[in-house]
Amino acid sequence: MKTISIFILLIYWSVILFAPVISKEPRSIKNKGFIKPLEKPNK
């Protein structure tokens, strides 16, 4: 029983740790077409 609970906790922690990394990947693909200015425009 302990080994099953440890295995489930490891899966749970890995999902929590890697969720932000996985969620940022599609945003970086969308930003490839975006052209950033070299200098900040003056207002």
N, C-alpha and C. Protein backbone atom coordinates (compact mmCIF):
# COMPACT_ATOMS: atom_id res chain seq x y z
N MET A 1 0.84 -1.20 0.00
CA MET A 1 0.00 0.00 0.00
C MET A 1 0.87 1.26 0.00
N LYS A 2 1.98 1.21 0.74
CA LYS A 2 2.85 2.38 0.80
C LYS A 2 3.50 2.67 -0.55
N THR A 3 3.87 1.61 -1.25
CA THR A 3 4.52 1.82 -2.55
C THR A 3 3.56 2.43 -3.56
N ILE A 4 2.30 2.03 -3.49
CA ILE A 4 1.29 2.59 -4.40
C ILE A 4 1.08 4.06 -4.08
N SER A 5 0.99 4.41 -2.81
CA SER A 5 0.76 5.81 -2.44
C SER A 5 1.97 6.68 -2.81
N ILE A 6 3.18 6.15 -2.66
CA ILE A 6 4.38 6.91 -3.04
C ILE A 6 4.40 7.10 -4.55
N PHE A 7 4.05 6.09 -5.31
CA PHE A 7 4.00 6.19 -6.77
C PHE A 7 2.98 7.24 -7.21
N ILE A 8 1.82 7.24 -6.59
CA ILE A 8 0.78 8.23 -6.92
C ILE A 8 1.25 9.64 -6.56
N LEU A 9 1.91 9.80 -5.43
CA LEU A 9 2.42 11.11 -5.04
C LEU A 9 3.49 11.61 -6.01
N LEU A 10 4.35 10.72 -6.49
CA LEU A 10 5.38 11.12 -7.45
C LEU A 10 4.75 11.60 -8.76
N ILE A 11 3.72 10.91 -9.21
CA ILE A 11 3.02 11.34 -10.42
C ILE A 11 2.36 12.70 -10.18
N TYR A 12 1.73 12.86 -9.04
CA TYR A 12 1.05 14.13 -8.70
C TYR A 12 2.05 15.28 -8.65
N TRP A 13 3.19 15.09 -8.01
CA TRP A 13 4.20 16.15 -7.92
C TRP A 13 4.79 16.48 -9.29
N SER A 14 5.00 15.47 -10.11
CA SER A 14 5.55 15.74 -11.44
C SER A 14 4.58 16.54 -12.29
N VAL A 15 3.28 16.26 -12.16
CA VAL A 15 2.28 17.05 -12.89
C VAL A 15 2.28 18.49 -12.40
N ILE A 16 2.37 18.70 -11.11
CA ILE A 16 2.37 20.05 -10.55
C ILE A 16 3.62 20.81 -10.99
N LEU A 17 4.77 20.15 -11.02
CA LEU A 17 6.01 20.83 -11.37
C LEU A 17 6.10 21.13 -12.86
N PHE A 18 5.63 20.23 -13.72
CA PHE A 18 5.79 20.41 -15.16
C PHE A 18 4.62 21.11 -15.83
N ALA A 19 3.54 21.37 -15.12
CA ALA A 19 2.38 22.05 -15.72
C ALA A 19 2.73 23.45 -16.22
N PRO A 20 3.45 24.28 -15.47
CA PRO A 20 3.79 25.61 -16.00
C PRO A 20 4.70 25.54 -17.22
N VAL A 21 5.60 24.57 -17.27
CA VAL A 21 6.51 24.43 -18.40
C VAL A 21 5.73 24.04 -19.65
N ILE A 22 4.81 23.12 -19.51
CA ILE A 22 4.02 22.67 -20.66
C ILE A 22 3.07 23.77 -21.13
N SER A 23 2.52 24.55 -20.20
CA SER A 23 1.57 25.59 -20.59
C SER A 23 2.25 26.75 -21.32
N LYS A 24 3.55 26.97 -21.13
CA LYS A 24 4.24 28.07 -21.79
C LYS A 24 4.65 27.72 -23.22
N GLU A 25 4.70 26.46 -23.60
CA GLU A 25 5.15 26.07 -24.93
C GLU A 25 4.25 26.60 -26.06
N PRO A 26 2.93 26.50 -26.00
CA PRO A 26 2.12 27.02 -27.10
C PRO A 26 2.25 28.53 -27.26
N ARG A 27 2.45 29.26 -26.19
CA ARG A 27 2.61 30.71 -26.27
C ARG A 27 3.87 31.08 -27.04
N SER A 28 4.94 30.33 -26.84
CA SER A 28 6.19 30.64 -27.54
C SER A 28 6.05 30.37 -29.04
N ILE A 29 5.22 29.40 -29.41
CA ILE A 29 5.01 29.12 -30.83
C ILE A 29 4.23 30.26 -31.47
N LYS A 30 3.26 30.82 -30.77
CA LYS A 30 2.47 31.92 -31.31
C LYS A 30 3.30 33.20 -31.43
N ASN A 31 4.27 33.39 -30.55
CA ASN A 31 5.07 34.61 -30.55
C ASN A 31 6.16 34.63 -31.60
N LYS A 32 6.34 33.57 -32.37
CA LYS A 32 7.39 33.55 -33.38
C LYS A 32 7.10 34.55 -34.49
N GLY A 33 5.84 34.80 -34.80
CA GLY A 33 5.48 35.75 -35.84
C GLY A 33 5.51 37.19 -35.35
N PHE A 34 5.68 37.39 -34.07
CA PHE A 34 5.67 38.72 -33.48
C PHE A 34 7.04 39.37 -33.61
N ILE A 35 7.08 40.59 -34.14
CA ILE A 35 8.33 41.32 -34.31
C ILE A 35 8.46 42.33 -33.18
N LYS A 36 9.53 42.23 -32.42
CA LYS A 36 9.75 43.16 -31.31
C LYS A 36 10.57 44.35 -31.78
N PRO A 37 10.24 45.56 -31.34
CA PRO A 37 11.02 46.73 -31.72
C PRO A 37 12.40 46.71 -31.05
N LEU A 38 13.40 47.28 -31.72
CA LEU A 38 14.75 47.30 -31.14
C LEU A 38 14.82 48.28 -29.98
N GLU A 39 14.11 49.40 -30.10
CA GLU A 39 14.10 50.39 -29.02
C GLU A 39 12.68 50.63 -28.55
N LYS A 40 12.57 51.08 -27.32
CA LYS A 40 11.27 51.37 -26.76
C LYS A 40 10.76 52.68 -27.37
N PRO A 41 9.52 52.71 -27.87
CA PRO A 41 9.02 53.95 -28.46
C PRO A 41 8.79 55.02 -27.40
N ASN A 42 9.09 56.26 -27.74
CA ASN A 42 8.91 57.38 -26.81
C ASN A 42 7.46 57.85 -26.87
N LYS A 43 6.93 58.17 -25.70
CA LYS A 43 5.56 58.66 -25.65
C LYS A 43 5.53 60.15 -25.46
